[in-house]
Amino acid sequence: MTTELLPPAQPAFILRGHSAQIHALHFTHANTRLLTADAEGWIVSWNLAFKRPVAVWKAHDNAILSVGSWSSDRIITHGRDNKLLVWQLGLADEPTMDRTLPIDAALTSRKQPWLLHALPVNTLNFCAFAMCCDGMPQVLSSVKVVQDKDIPCPILIAVPNTVDSGGIDIYQLPSEHRAAGINADRSITTGMVMALSILAESTRIQVAAGYESGHTMVFVQKDPGAPFQKLYSAHPHTQPVLSMTIAPSKDHYITSAADSILAKHPLPLCKNIWNTDLKPLKVSQTKHSGQQGLRYRSDGKVFATAGWDAHTRVYSGKSMKELAVLKWHKVGCYATAFAAVEQVPDRDGDDADASGGGGGGGGPAVSDEHSSVVSTVQQRRDQIAQGTHWLAAGAKDGKVSLWDIY
């Protein structure tokens, strides 16, 4: 029996707006916005319903390493200008923002969102920040927390130590207090910290770190204020670790490196793997070196990597088997991001006719009818954007490809 080969997958959309390579991507506002960050310090917030920019500003004077979100109106950016910044940008703030893309105009200063926090951090490592907020009230019982009714929960931020490139600093926001530190392991030559993940549960904090030497380690603080203990160490990579991601199940994490290895590791304090031997759960030789931008999808079924060979790869979260190779960019890819898998409820007015109708009536009636049609179209487009399992990939060409394959 012969089977027809399916044509190669193609991106659903291409977002063109940056003149420098894309370093970071992040979905916000229930998948209705995508943040893209580049090597010149620019941030663009895209409306995914219309595939148009709604806010553009220069966040840093150097390349942006990572971008994230905290609550519904706070954006975190981490630049190579040794700054970690928190901006206020909610949906209500978008109409006041500049929308001219960096590629369309001279890179002059633009209006910035309101700056809420600025932390001086070490960015010589090229290591992006990691953050978490789960379990924060218990974890931070020993830390003075600033009360703010508009902030749903405080967060922890992990970054390389300011002085010791093999150590780790942990800050708490909004207090900007240095909550804890992890010293470099002097028994092993690890070099610089290259990738970080952090997880807070009950009164414990777990920090996973990947190093220049190819090592990865997990440190645990069992009680607030206690020193961190190293509970796991492995050396699956022969080249520097480039990225890591914690599974949504929070029982393991995955590392990638400049070599062609993908490795799955246990998180020692998780109940379901308490008795597991402390060694890598799986090491996969992919034969594709230089995979970075590791990201799990929110349901844990798949994860993706951005490849120096210009390919974005999708893997099974369970078996780590390669499921898809996405080819569109002609130059190296550096970042990926998944939209959260959510059930989007039906909205009122789905049966409304978007044709606009015929009938007479005065000016105000026509205006109201037009407004209603526009509102219905907007709702439908937002609903489609929210329900799409987007995978975004950013590359050296300054373009972002949007895929809808699973």
Protein backbone atom coordinates (compact mmCIF):
# COMPACT_ATOMS: atom_id res chain seq x y z
CA MET A 1 0.00 0.00 0.00
CA THR A 2 1.35 3.40 -0.95
CA THR A 3 0.72 6.50 1.08
CA GLU A 4 0.91 10.05 -0.15
CA LEU A 5 3.48 12.23 1.54
CA LEU A 6 1.97 15.25 3.19
CA PRO A 7 3.36 18.61 2.04
CA PRO A 8 5.65 20.39 4.51
CA ALA A 9 3.83 22.37 7.18
CA GLN A 10 3.65 26.10 6.52
CA PRO A 11 3.30 28.91 9.05
CA ALA A 12 -0.15 30.41 9.41
CA PHE A 13 1.29 33.94 9.65
CA ILE A 14 4.60 35.78 9.55
CA LEU A 15 5.07 38.81 11.80
CA ARG A 16 7.52 41.27 10.25
CA GLY A 17 8.48 44.22 12.39
CA HIS A 18 11.97 43.91 13.86
CA SER A 19 15.22 44.90 12.16
CA ALA A 20 17.33 42.79 14.54
CA GLN A 21 17.31 39.13 15.50
CA ILE A 22 14.52 37.89 17.76
CA HIS A 23 15.75 36.81 21.19
CA ALA A 24 12.55 36.24 23.18
CA LEU A 25 8.81 35.56 22.74
CA HIS A 26 5.94 35.45 25.22
CA PHE A 27 2.14 35.11 24.95
CA THR A 28 0.02 37.27 27.28
CA HIS A 29 -3.60 38.26 27.92
CA ALA A 30 -5.07 34.77 27.37
CA ASN A 31 -3.23 34.36 24.06
CA THR A 32 -4.57 37.60 22.56
CA ARG A 33 -1.14 39.28 22.65
CA LEU A 34 2.36 38.16 21.68
CA LEU A 35 5.45 39.98 22.98
CA THR A 36 8.50 39.88 20.71
CA ALA A 37 11.92 41.15 21.82
CA ASP A 38 15.05 41.70 19.75
CA ALA A 39 18.83 42.16 19.89
CA GLU A 40 18.60 45.96 19.84
CA GLY A 41 16.39 46.25 22.92
CA TRP A 42 13.01 46.71 21.21
CA ILE A 43 9.72 45.19 22.38
CA VAL A 44 6.64 44.79 20.20
CA SER A 45 3.25 43.71 21.55
CA TRP A 46 1.13 42.17 18.78
CA ASN A 47 -2.65 41.84 18.70
CA LEU A 48 -3.03 38.25 17.52
CA ALA A 49 -6.63 38.71 16.38
CA PHE A 50 -5.50 41.25 13.75
CA LYS A 51 -1.76 40.44 13.58
CA ARG A 52 -0.93 44.10 14.15
CA PRO A 53 1.26 45.90 16.72
CA VAL A 54 -0.49 47.61 19.62
CA ALA A 55 2.60 48.82 21.52
CA VAL A 56 6.22 49.36 20.48
CA TRP A 57 8.99 50.69 22.71
CA LYS A 58 12.72 50.46 23.36
CA ALA A 59 13.03 48.70 26.70
CA HIS A 60 16.85 48.30 26.87
CA ASP A 61 20.02 49.80 25.43
CA ASN A 62 21.32 46.34 24.52
CA ALA A 63 19.99 42.94 23.48
CA ILE A 64 17.00 41.55 25.38
CA LEU A 65 17.61 38.12 26.88
CA SER A 66 14.07 37.31 27.97
CA VAL A 67 10.59 38.68 28.48
CA GLY A 68 7.74 37.55 30.72
CA SER A 69 4.50 38.71 32.32
CA TRP A 70 3.34 39.20 35.89
CA SER A 71 -0.39 39.63 36.44
CA SER A 72 -2.54 41.15 33.71
CA ASP A 73 -0.69 44.44 33.28
CA ARG A 74 2.97 43.90 34.16
CA ILE A 75 5.69 42.94 31.69
CA ILE A 76 9.19 41.87 32.76
CA THR A 77 12.15 42.44 30.43
CA HIS A 78 15.75 41.35 31.00
CA GLY A 79 18.43 43.07 28.93
CA ARG A 80 22.17 42.81 28.44
CA ASP A 81 22.46 46.36 29.77
CA ASN A 82 22.50 44.74 33.26
CA LYS A 83 18.88 45.65 33.99
CA LEU A 84 15.77 43.70 34.82
CA LEU A 85 12.75 45.97 34.37
CA VAL A 86 9.05 45.68 35.18
CA TRP A 87 6.68 47.75 33.03
CA GLN A 88 2.99 48.48 33.41
CA LEU A 89 1.17 47.75 30.15
CA GLY A 90 -2.44 46.63 30.36
CA LEU A 91 -5.00 46.59 27.58
CA ALA A 92 -6.23 50.00 28.71
CA ASP A 93 -2.72 51.44 28.23
CA GLU A 94 -2.37 50.33 24.60
CA PRO A 95 -4.18 53.27 22.91
CA THR A 96 -1.57 55.69 24.25
CA MET A 97 1.41 53.69 22.97
CA ASP A 98 3.38 54.18 19.75
CA ARG A 99 2.68 51.50 17.12
CA THR A 100 5.37 52.29 14.55
CA LEU A 101 7.49 49.18 14.09
CA PRO A 102 11.30 49.38 14.39
CA ILE A 103 11.68 48.20 10.79
CA ASP A 104 9.41 50.98 9.49
CA ALA A 105 11.10 54.03 11.01
CA ALA A 106 14.36 55.33 12.38
CA LEU A 107 15.12 53.82 15.77
CA THR A 108 14.39 56.92 17.77
CA SER A 109 13.14 57.01 21.33
CA ARG A 110 9.43 56.32 21.76
CA LYS A 111 7.00 56.57 24.61
CA GLN A 112 7.62 53.83 27.16
CA PRO A 113 5.10 52.19 29.48
CA TRP A 114 5.22 53.19 33.14
CA LEU A 115 8.36 51.72 34.74
CA LEU A 116 7.48 50.06 38.07
CA HIS A 117 10.72 48.28 39.06
CA ALA A 118 14.37 48.30 37.97
CA LEU A 119 16.83 45.73 39.32
CA PRO A 120 20.57 45.84 38.53
CA VAL A 121 21.54 42.28 37.58
CA ASN A 122 24.41 40.35 36.03
CA THR A 123 23.91 39.71 32.32
CA LEU A 124 27.46 38.80 31.33
CA ASN A 125 26.40 35.14 31.34
CA PHE A 126 23.79 35.52 28.56
CA CYS A 127 21.51 33.77 31.08
CA ALA A 128 17.83 34.75 31.05
CA PHE A 129 15.94 35.29 34.30
CA ALA A 130 13.58 32.67 35.71
CA MET A 131 10.45 33.43 37.74
CA CYS A 132 7.68 31.74 39.71
CA CYS A 133 4.79 32.70 41.96
CA ASP A 134 3.23 29.38 43.05
CA GLY A 135 3.31 28.87 46.81
CA MET A 136 4.70 32.34 47.42
CA PRO A 137 2.88 33.25 50.68
CA GLN A 138 4.40 30.27 52.52
CA VAL A 139 7.83 30.52 50.93
CA LEU A 140 8.14 34.19 51.71
CA SER A 141 7.05 34.05 55.33
CA SER A 142 10.51 35.29 56.30
CA VAL A 143 10.51 38.09 53.72
CA LYS A 144 8.78 41.42 54.19
CA VAL A 145 6.24 41.55 51.39
CA VAL A 146 4.89 44.85 50.10
CA GLN A 147 1.10 44.76 50.14
CA ASP A 148 -0.62 45.94 46.97
CA LYS A 149 -4.22 45.14 46.18
CA ASP A 150 -3.49 45.32 42.44
CA ILE A 151 -0.82 42.59 42.58
CA PRO A 152 -2.24 39.04 42.69
CA CYS A 153 0.86 37.53 44.27
CA PRO A 154 4.52 38.36 44.83
CA ILE A 155 7.06 36.57 42.66
CA LEU A 156 10.59 35.20 42.87
CA ILE A 157 13.19 36.09 40.25
CA ALA A 158 16.34 33.99 39.77
CA VAL A 159 19.37 35.48 37.96
CA PRO A 160 23.14 34.82 37.93
CA ASN A 161 24.98 36.24 40.93
CA THR A 162 26.28 39.77 40.43
CA VAL A 163 29.87 38.94 41.46
CA ASP A 164 30.21 35.15 41.12
CA SER A 165 29.20 34.05 37.61
CA GLY A 166 28.68 30.49 38.88
CA GLY A 167 26.35 31.58 41.69
CA ILE A 168 22.67 32.51 41.71
CA ASP A 169 20.74 35.43 43.21
CA ILE A 170 17.04 35.20 44.06
CA TYR A 171 15.04 38.41 44.36
CA GLN A 172 11.48 38.99 45.47
CA LEU A 173 9.12 41.43 43.78
CA PRO A 174 7.53 43.85 44.49
CA SER A 175 9.80 44.41 47.51
CA GLU A 176 12.99 44.16 45.34
CA HIS A 177 14.51 42.33 48.32
CA ARG A 178 17.31 39.80 47.72
CA ALA A 179 15.54 36.81 49.27
CA ALA A 180 18.30 34.19 48.92
CA GLY A 181 21.52 33.23 47.21
CA ILE A 182 23.16 30.04 45.97
CA ASN A 183 26.96 29.86 45.95
CA ALA A 184 28.85 28.31 43.06
CA ASP A 185 29.75 24.65 43.57
CA ARG A 186 33.49 24.65 44.27
CA SER A 187 33.78 20.85 44.02
CA ILE A 188 32.98 20.88 40.28
CA THR A 189 34.28 23.20 37.59
CA THR A 190 31.02 24.35 36.06
CA GLY A 191 31.86 27.75 34.63
CA MET A 192 29.09 30.31 34.26
CA VAL A 193 25.39 29.79 34.88
CA MET A 194 23.78 29.61 31.44
CA ALA A 195 20.13 28.71 32.13
CA LEU A 196 17.81 28.82 35.14
CA SER A 197 14.39 27.61 36.27
CA ILE A 198 12.74 28.15 39.65
CA LEU A 199 9.81 26.46 41.36
CA ALA A 200 8.20 27.35 44.71
CA GLU A 201 5.96 24.90 46.53
CA SER A 202 4.73 25.09 50.12
CA THR A 203 7.76 26.25 52.13
CA ARG A 204 10.32 24.97 49.60
CA ILE A 205 12.11 26.53 46.69
CA GLN A 206 13.75 24.44 43.96
CA VAL A 207 16.20 26.01 41.53
CA ALA A 208 17.48 24.15 38.48
CA ALA A 209 20.60 25.50 36.81
CA GLY A 210 22.50 24.68 33.63
CA TYR A 211 26.16 25.57 33.28
CA GLU A 212 28.86 26.40 30.77
CA SER A 213 30.49 23.02 31.40
CA GLY A 214 27.36 21.08 30.38
CA HIS A 215 26.42 20.25 33.98
CA THR A 216 22.96 20.74 35.41
CA MET A 217 22.08 20.85 39.11
CA VAL A 218 19.04 21.22 41.35
CA PHE A 219 19.26 23.16 44.61
CA VAL A 220 16.56 23.06 47.26
CA GLN A 221 15.74 25.37 50.16
CA LYS A 222 13.46 23.33 52.46
CA ASP A 223 12.62 26.11 54.92
CA PRO A 224 12.52 29.90 54.50
CA GLY A 225 15.89 31.39 55.38
CA ALA A 226 17.72 28.04 55.35
CA PRO A 227 20.73 27.52 53.06
CA PHE A 228 20.17 25.79 49.72
CA GLN A 229 21.24 22.16 49.38
CA LYS A 230 22.33 20.47 46.16
CA LEU A 231 20.11 17.41 45.68
CA TYR A 232 20.84 16.58 42.05
CA SER A 233 23.80 16.88 39.70
CA ALA A 234 24.31 15.46 36.22
CA HIS A 235 26.62 16.04 33.28
CA PRO A 236 24.69 14.95 30.16
CA HIS A 237 26.08 17.64 27.84
CA THR A 238 29.55 18.11 26.38
CA GLN A 239 28.86 21.75 25.46
CA PRO A 240 27.35 24.70 27.35
CA VAL A 241 23.71 24.39 28.34
CA LEU A 242 21.63 26.82 26.26
CA SER A 243 18.14 26.53 27.73
CA MET A 244 15.86 24.57 30.04
CA THR A 245 12.17 24.25 30.80
CA ILE A 246 10.19 22.80 33.70
CA ALA A 247 7.32 20.49 32.73
CA PRO A 248 3.80 21.69 33.61
CA SER A 249 3.53 18.57 35.81
CA LYS A 250 6.49 20.00 37.79
CA ASP A 251 8.08 16.56 38.19
CA HIS A 252 10.93 17.02 35.70
CA TYR A 253 12.78 19.52 33.54
CA ILE A 254 14.53 19.33 30.17
CA THR A 255 17.85 20.82 29.10
CA SER A 256 19.34 21.57 25.69
CA ALA A 257 22.87 22.60 24.84
CA ALA A 258 25.22 23.62 22.05
CA ASP A 259 25.69 19.87 21.47
CA SER A 260 22.92 17.68 20.02
CA ILE A 261 21.65 16.26 23.34
CA LEU A 262 18.24 16.77 24.93
CA ALA A 263 18.10 15.51 28.51
CA LYS A 264 15.18 14.98 30.89
CA HIS A 265 15.93 15.35 34.62
CA PRO A 266 14.01 14.71 37.86
CA LEU A 267 13.00 17.42 40.29
CA PRO A 268 13.98 15.66 43.55
CA LEU A 269 11.27 16.90 45.90
CA CYS A 270 8.27 15.97 43.77
CA LYS A 271 6.17 13.26 45.44
CA ASN A 272 5.75 11.01 42.42
CA ILE A 273 9.50 10.62 41.86
CA TRP A 274 10.66 10.66 45.48
CA ASN A 275 12.21 7.19 45.17
CA THR A 276 13.66 7.68 41.72
CA ASP A 277 17.42 7.33 41.41
CA LEU A 278 18.94 10.75 41.04
CA LYS A 279 20.14 10.44 37.49
CA PRO A 280 18.79 11.74 34.17
CA LEU A 281 15.42 10.20 33.34
CA LYS A 282 16.22 10.15 29.63
CA VAL A 283 19.05 11.36 27.39
CA SER A 284 18.24 11.74 23.71
CA GLN A 285 20.81 12.10 20.94
CA THR A 286 18.97 14.23 18.38
CA LYS A 287 21.88 14.69 15.94
CA HIS A 288 20.93 18.37 15.71
CA SER A 289 23.33 20.64 17.55
CA GLY A 290 22.52 24.11 18.83
CA GLN A 291 18.91 23.76 19.97
CA GLN A 292 17.74 26.45 22.36
CA GLY A 293 14.58 28.31 23.37
CA LEU A 294 13.13 25.19 25.04
CA ARG A 295 9.45 25.64 25.88
CA TYR A 296 6.79 23.20 27.06
CA ARG A 297 3.19 23.67 25.99
CA SER A 298 0.86 24.24 28.93
CA ASP A 299 -0.71 20.77 28.67
CA GLY A 300 2.72 19.10 28.83
CA LYS A 301 2.12 16.98 25.72
CA VAL A 302 4.76 18.61 23.54
CA PHE A 303 7.77 20.90 23.79
CA ALA A 304 9.66 22.86 21.15
CA THR A 305 13.20 23.99 20.40
CA ALA A 306 14.66 26.72 18.20
CA GLY A 307 17.61 25.50 16.14
CA TRP A 308 20.73 27.17 14.87
CA ASP A 309 20.04 25.27 11.63
CA ALA A 310 16.94 27.49 11.08
CA HIS A 311 14.52 24.71 12.03
CA THR A 312 11.98 24.67 14.84
CA ARG A 313 11.41 21.17 16.21
CA VAL A 314 8.48 19.79 18.19
CA TYR A 315 9.00 16.81 20.50
CA SER A 316 6.74 14.55 22.53
CA GLY A 317 6.80 15.50 26.21
CA LYS A 318 6.49 11.83 27.23
CA SER A 319 8.85 10.00 24.86
CA MET A 320 10.98 12.95 23.65
CA LYS A 321 10.44 11.62 20.14
CA GLU A 322 10.68 14.20 17.37
CA LEU A 323 7.16 14.88 16.07
CA ALA A 324 7.62 17.73 13.61
CA VAL A 325 10.30 19.82 11.95
CA LEU A 326 9.09 23.29 10.98
CA LYS A 327 11.03 24.86 8.12
CA TRP A 328 10.45 28.42 6.97
CA HIS A 329 13.25 30.64 8.27
CA LYS A 330 16.49 30.64 6.26
CA VAL A 331 18.72 31.63 9.21
CA GLY A 332 19.13 30.45 12.79
CA CYS A 333 16.16 30.37 15.17
CA TYR A 334 16.69 31.52 18.77
CA ALA A 335 13.32 31.60 20.54
CA THR A 336 10.02 29.72 20.77
CA ALA A 337 6.78 30.24 22.70
CA PHE A 338 3.54 28.30 23.03
CA ALA A 339 0.11 29.79 23.54
CA ALA A 340 -1.60 28.25 26.55
CA VAL A 341 -4.06 25.49 25.73
CA GLU A 342 -7.36 26.81 27.02
CA GLN A 343 -11.06 26.15 26.55
CA VAL A 344 -12.53 29.39 25.29
CA PRO A 345 -16.22 29.69 26.22
CA ASP A 346 -18.79 30.70 23.60
CA ARG A 347 -19.72 34.34 23.79
CA ASP A 348 -23.10 35.94 23.44
CA GLY A 349 -23.86 37.19 19.98
CA ASP A 350 -22.17 34.35 18.06
CA ASP A 351 -25.31 34.01 15.93
CA ALA A 352 -25.31 37.67 15.00
CA ASP A 353 -25.20 38.46 11.31
CA ALA A 354 -21.99 40.31 10.48
CA SER A 355 -23.28 41.49 7.09
CA GLY A 356 -24.58 44.78 8.47
CA GLY A 357 -28.21 44.40 7.34
CA GLY A 358 -30.23 46.57 4.96
CA GLY A 359 -33.07 48.71 6.37
CA GLY A 360 -33.37 52.45 6.65
CA GLY A 361 -33.12 54.51 9.76
CA GLY A 362 -31.29 57.64 10.77
CA GLY A 363 -27.61 58.24 11.24
CA PRO A 364 -27.41 57.24 14.91
CA ALA A 365 -29.14 53.91 14.23
CA VAL A 366 -26.68 53.08 11.44
CA SER A 367 -23.78 54.07 13.70
CA ASP A 368 -25.04 51.82 16.50
CA GLU A 369 -25.55 48.96 14.09
CA HIS A 370 -22.07 49.43 12.65
CA SER A 371 -20.62 49.52 16.16
CA SER A 372 -22.38 46.27 17.00
CA VAL A 373 -21.04 44.56 13.88
CA VAL A 374 -17.49 45.74 14.59
CA SER A 375 -17.78 44.53 18.17
CA THR A 376 -19.05 41.12 17.04
CA VAL A 377 -16.23 40.73 14.51
CA GLN A 378 -13.69 41.72 17.17
CA GLN A 379 -15.12 39.17 19.60
CA ARG A 380 -14.99 36.41 17.01
CA ARG A 381 -11.42 37.20 16.05
CA ASP A 382 -10.36 37.33 19.71
CA GLN A 383 -12.07 34.01 20.34
CA ILE A 384 -10.26 32.38 17.42
CA ALA A 385 -6.91 33.78 18.63
CA GLN A 386 -7.53 32.57 22.17
CA GLY A 387 -8.50 29.08 21.06
CA THR A 388 -5.60 28.54 18.63
CA HIS A 389 -2.68 26.41 19.83
CA TRP A 390 -0.09 28.83 18.48
CA LEU A 391 3.59 27.99 18.36
CA ALA A 392 5.72 31.07 17.71
CA ALA A 393 9.33 30.91 16.48
CA GLY A 394 11.72 33.86 16.26
CA ALA A 395 14.88 33.97 14.18
CA LYS A 396 17.97 35.92 13.25
CA ASP A 397 16.09 37.47 10.32
CA GLY A 398 13.93 39.53 12.71
CA LYS A 399 10.78 37.66 11.69
CA VAL A 400 8.39 35.61 13.82
CA SER A 401 6.56 32.64 12.34
CA LEU A 402 3.22 31.55 13.81
CA TRP A 403 2.32 27.87 13.48
CA ASP A 404 -0.89 25.99 14.22
CA ILE A 405 0.00 22.33 13.86
CA TYR A 406 -1.36 20.53 16.97
